[in-house]
N, C-alpha and C. Protein backbone atom coordinates (compact mmCIF):
# COMPACT_ATOMS: atom_id res chain seq x y z
N MET A 1 -21.03 130.39 4.84
CA MET A 1 -21.61 130.66 3.33
C MET A 1 -21.02 130.00 2.33
N ALA A 2 -19.73 129.61 2.69
CA ALA A 2 -18.74 128.62 1.76
C ALA A 2 -19.66 127.23 1.56
N ALA A 3 -20.08 126.88 2.47
CA ALA A 3 -20.84 125.61 2.55
C ALA A 3 -22.25 125.60 1.56
N ILE A 4 -22.74 126.93 1.60
CA ILE A 4 -23.97 127.01 0.89
C ILE A 4 -23.71 127.09 -0.65
N THR A 5 -22.49 127.72 -0.86
CA THR A 5 -21.94 128.12 -2.36
C THR A 5 -21.65 126.77 -2.75
N SER A 6 -20.84 125.88 -2.15
CA SER A 6 -20.44 124.69 -2.74
C SER A 6 -21.54 123.69 -2.61
N ASP A 7 -22.67 123.68 -1.86
CA ASP A 7 -23.76 122.93 -2.19
C ASP A 7 -24.30 123.33 -3.57
N LEU A 8 -24.41 124.41 -3.76
CA LEU A 8 -25.27 125.27 -4.79
C LEU A 8 -24.41 124.65 -6.17
N ALA A 9 -23.27 124.63 -6.19
CA ALA A 9 -22.32 124.25 -7.25
C ALA A 9 -22.19 122.71 -7.30
N LEU A 10 -22.54 121.99 -6.52
CA LEU A 10 -22.49 120.66 -6.54
C LEU A 10 -23.78 120.33 -7.49
N ASN A 11 -24.89 120.96 -7.15
CA ASN A 11 -26.50 120.78 -7.61
C ASN A 11 -26.65 121.46 -8.98
N LEU A 12 -25.68 122.62 -9.08
CA LEU A 12 -25.90 123.19 -10.31
C LEU A 12 -25.11 122.69 -11.60
N ILE A 13 -24.06 122.28 -11.52
CA ILE A 13 -23.28 121.62 -12.61
C ILE A 13 -23.63 120.37 -13.21
N PRO A 14 -24.24 119.23 -12.42
CA PRO A 14 -24.65 118.48 -13.17
C PRO A 14 -26.22 118.70 -13.71
N ALA A 15 -27.12 119.56 -13.09
CA ALA A 15 -28.12 119.92 -13.65
C ALA A 15 -27.88 120.77 -15.08
N ALA A 16 -26.82 121.47 -15.13
CA ALA A 16 -26.26 122.20 -16.29
C ALA A 16 -26.08 121.29 -17.62
N VAL A 17 -25.31 120.19 -16.91
CA VAL A 17 -24.54 119.34 -17.90
C VAL A 17 -25.89 118.65 -18.36
N ALA A 18 -26.69 118.01 -17.77
CA ALA A 18 -27.99 117.43 -18.14
C ALA A 18 -28.80 118.27 -18.85
N LEU A 19 -29.16 119.41 -18.66
CA LEU A 19 -29.73 120.39 -19.69
C LEU A 19 -29.10 120.59 -21.03
N SER A 20 -27.91 120.49 -20.77
CA SER A 20 -27.17 120.86 -22.32
C SER A 20 -27.35 119.45 -23.03
N ALA A 21 -27.05 118.51 -22.45
CA ALA A 21 -27.24 117.19 -22.86
C ALA A 21 -28.45 116.92 -23.70
N LEU A 22 -29.67 117.16 -22.80
CA LEU A 22 -31.25 117.22 -23.48
C LEU A 22 -30.98 118.10 -24.66
N ALA A 23 -30.46 119.48 -24.67
CA ALA A 23 -30.75 120.36 -25.65
C ALA A 23 -30.06 119.68 -26.72
N ILE A 24 -28.89 119.13 -26.71
CA ILE A 24 -28.18 118.63 -27.80
C ILE A 24 -28.55 117.36 -28.80
N VAL A 25 -29.36 116.64 -27.65
CA VAL A 25 -30.04 115.49 -28.26
C VAL A 25 -31.22 115.93 -29.15
N SER A 26 -32.04 116.85 -28.41
CA SER A 26 -33.28 117.41 -29.09
C SER A 26 -33.07 117.95 -30.42
N LEU A 27 -31.90 118.92 -30.38
CA LEU A 27 -31.70 119.46 -31.89
C LEU A 27 -31.11 118.42 -32.75
N VAL A 28 -30.24 117.33 -32.23
CA VAL A 28 -29.85 116.43 -33.35
C VAL A 28 -31.19 115.55 -33.66
N ALA A 29 -32.31 115.32 -32.78
CA ALA A 29 -33.33 114.59 -33.12
C ALA A 29 -34.35 115.58 -34.27
N LEU A 30 -34.14 116.90 -33.71
CA LEU A 30 -35.14 117.78 -34.74
C LEU A 30 -34.51 117.81 -36.01
N ARG A 31 -33.38 117.79 -36.08
CA ARG A 31 -32.43 117.88 -37.39
C ARG A 31 -32.82 116.60 -38.21
N GLY A 32 -32.81 115.23 -37.60
CA GLY A 32 -33.09 114.20 -38.32
C GLY A 32 -34.49 114.04 -38.53
N TRP A 33 -35.54 114.57 -38.04
CA TRP A 33 -36.91 114.62 -38.10
C TRP A 33 -37.22 115.56 -39.48
N ARG A 34 -36.69 116.61 -39.59
CA ARG A 34 -36.66 117.58 -40.68
C ARG A 34 -36.05 116.90 -42.04
N ASP A 35 -34.83 116.24 -41.82
CA ASP A 35 -34.16 115.62 -43.00
C ASP A 35 -35.19 114.46 -43.48
N TRP A 36 -36.10 113.98 -42.52
CA TRP A 36 -36.91 112.67 -42.95
C TRP A 36 -37.72 113.33 -43.69
N ILE A 37 -38.41 114.31 -43.32
CA ILE A 37 -39.63 115.01 -43.70
C ILE A 37 -39.06 115.32 -45.22
N GLN A 38 -38.14 116.14 -45.12
CA GLN A 38 -37.59 116.59 -46.68
C GLN A 38 -37.77 115.33 -47.47
N LEU A 39 -37.00 114.19 -47.23
CA LEU A 39 -36.62 112.90 -48.10
C LEU A 39 -38.07 112.49 -48.57
N LYS A 40 -39.18 112.65 -47.67
CA LYS A 40 -40.47 112.03 -48.06
C LYS A 40 -41.09 113.05 -48.95
N ARG A 41 -40.87 114.59 -48.70
CA ARG A 41 -41.40 115.34 -49.70
C ARG A 41 -40.75 114.95 -51.22
N GLU A 42 -39.44 115.00 -51.17
CA GLU A 42 -38.63 114.74 -52.38
C GLU A 42 -39.31 113.56 -53.20
N GLU A 43 -39.51 112.26 -52.51
CA GLU A 43 -39.97 111.18 -52.81
C GLU A 43 -41.37 111.60 -53.53
N LEU A 44 -42.32 112.16 -52.89
CA LEU A 44 -43.73 112.61 -53.34
C LEU A 44 -43.58 113.54 -54.51
N ALA A 45 -42.48 114.21 -54.73
CA ALA A 45 -42.34 115.12 -55.70
C ALA A 45 -41.96 114.35 -57.12
N ALA A 46 -41.12 113.46 -56.72
CA ALA A 46 -40.74 112.55 -57.83
C ALA A 46 -41.45 111.62 -58.16
N GLY A 47 -42.47 111.34 -57.28
CA GLY A 47 -43.44 110.12 -57.75
C GLY A 47 -42.89 108.82 -57.40
N HIS A 48 -41.85 108.75 -56.47
CA HIS A 48 -41.49 107.38 -56.23
C HIS A 48 -41.83 106.84 -54.66
N GLY A 49 -43.01 107.11 -54.20
CA GLY A 49 -43.52 106.93 -52.95
C GLY A 49 -43.37 105.77 -52.60
N SER A 50 -43.63 104.53 -53.38
CA SER A 50 -43.38 103.18 -52.83
C SER A 50 -43.21 102.22 -53.99
N PRO A 51 -42.44 101.36 -54.07
CA PRO A 51 -42.35 100.74 -55.16
C PRO A 51 -43.55 99.83 -55.95
N ALA A 52 -43.65 100.07 -57.22
CA ALA A 52 -44.58 99.66 -58.03
C ALA A 52 -44.79 98.18 -57.90
N GLN A 53 -46.30 97.83 -57.73
CA GLN A 53 -46.37 96.31 -57.65
C GLN A 53 -46.80 95.82 -59.05
N ASP A 54 -46.31 94.54 -59.34
CA ASP A 54 -46.72 94.08 -60.62
C ASP A 54 -48.28 93.60 -60.47
N PRO A 55 -48.88 94.32 -61.71
CA PRO A 55 -50.32 94.06 -61.70
C PRO A 55 -50.99 92.58 -61.49
N ALA A 56 -50.05 91.92 -62.05
CA ALA A 56 -50.46 90.23 -62.33
C ALA A 56 -50.69 89.75 -61.09
N VAL A 57 -49.77 90.50 -59.92
CA VAL A 57 -49.89 89.58 -58.41
C VAL A 57 -50.95 90.48 -57.46
N PRO A 58 -51.89 89.77 -57.39
CA PRO A 58 -52.72 90.40 -56.27
C PRO A 58 -52.43 90.83 -54.84
N HIS A 59 -52.74 91.88 -54.56
CA HIS A 59 -52.41 92.54 -53.03
C HIS A 59 -52.56 91.42 -51.97
N ALA A 60 -51.93 91.28 -50.93
CA ALA A 60 -51.87 90.14 -50.02
C ALA A 60 -53.27 90.47 -49.40
N GLY A 61 -53.79 91.59 -49.08
CA GLY A 61 -55.28 91.59 -48.41
C GLY A 61 -56.15 91.02 -49.43
N SER A 62 -55.97 91.34 -50.82
CA SER A 62 -57.18 90.86 -51.67
C SER A 62 -57.18 89.37 -51.58
N ARG A 63 -55.80 88.51 -51.50
CA ARG A 63 -55.73 87.33 -51.44
C ARG A 63 -56.56 86.75 -50.21
N ILE A 64 -56.26 87.27 -49.11
CA ILE A 64 -57.01 86.84 -47.93
C ILE A 64 -58.33 86.98 -48.10
N GLU A 65 -58.72 88.30 -48.61
CA GLU A 65 -60.30 88.47 -48.84
C GLU A 65 -60.87 87.42 -49.81
N ILE A 66 -60.38 87.00 -50.76
CA ILE A 66 -60.64 85.95 -51.82
C ILE A 66 -60.78 84.61 -51.01
N ALA A 67 -59.83 84.18 -50.12
CA ALA A 67 -59.72 83.39 -49.25
C ALA A 67 -60.92 82.91 -48.33
N ASP A 68 -61.38 84.11 -47.94
CA ASP A 68 -62.12 84.19 -46.83
C ASP A 68 -63.84 84.02 -47.52
N LEU A 69 -63.66 84.55 -48.77
CA LEU A 69 -65.06 84.47 -49.62
C LEU A 69 -65.15 83.02 -49.96
N LYS A 70 -64.19 82.27 -50.25
CA LYS A 70 -64.22 81.01 -50.76
C LYS A 70 -64.55 79.93 -49.73
N GLU A 71 -64.27 80.25 -48.40
CA GLU A 71 -64.19 79.52 -47.61
C GLU A 71 -65.94 79.74 -47.14
N ARG A 72 -66.36 81.01 -46.93
CA ARG A 72 -68.00 81.05 -47.02
C ARG A 72 -68.45 80.55 -47.77
N LEU A 73 -68.29 80.61 -49.08
CA LEU A 73 -68.85 79.81 -50.06
C LEU A 73 -68.84 78.56 -50.12
N ARG A 74 -67.95 77.71 -49.61
CA ARG A 74 -67.81 76.36 -49.29
C ARG A 74 -69.15 76.00 -48.21
N LYS A 75 -68.92 76.94 -47.16
CA LYS A 75 -69.84 76.68 -45.78
C LYS A 75 -71.24 76.51 -46.61
N LEU A 76 -71.61 77.74 -47.19
CA LEU A 76 -72.80 77.90 -47.70
C LEU A 76 -73.65 76.82 -48.70
N GLU A 77 -72.44 76.36 -49.57
CA GLU A 77 -72.85 75.31 -50.16
C GLU A 77 -73.04 74.13 -49.63
N ALA A 78 -72.51 73.90 -48.78
CA ALA A 78 -72.30 72.60 -47.80
C ALA A 78 -73.94 72.72 -46.94
N ILE A 79 -74.34 73.70 -46.49
CA ILE A 79 -75.30 74.26 -45.70
C ILE A 79 -76.86 73.95 -46.89
N ALA A 80 -76.59 74.23 -48.02
CA ALA A 80 -77.57 74.07 -49.16
C ALA A 80 -77.76 72.77 -49.42
N ALA A 81 -76.44 71.98 -49.47
CA ALA A 81 -76.46 70.59 -49.86
C ALA A 81 -77.13 69.53 -48.46
N GLY A 82 -77.05 70.26 -47.32
CA GLY A 82 -77.78 69.54 -45.89
C GLY A 82 -76.39 68.70 -45.69
N VAL A 83 -75.30 69.10 -45.84
CA VAL A 83 -74.03 68.50 -44.90
C VAL A 83 -73.71 69.40 -43.68
N ASP A 84 -73.80 68.45 -42.47
CA ASP A 84 -73.60 69.19 -41.42
C ASP A 84 -71.85 69.25 -41.25
N LEU A 85 -71.52 70.56 -41.22
CA LEU A 85 -70.20 70.61 -40.72
C LEU A 85 -69.81 70.46 -39.29
């Protein structure tokens, strides 16, 4: 009977330690998540979501779209002029 109890204790102690560690890590992660959500709520309430962009500088996506349109226009003009690309 002593061998069974000893084996049970040897298996139960590491399992309990691992479960406790998992619970602690989960609680810390949950606390961080809640704090981050609260921070984002405060930013939204204050109206400071993202830094304001200078209206004179176009957005990067807009610049890419404009460059793509210019390239298409150049190709269409070349086709209209009869130039083989």
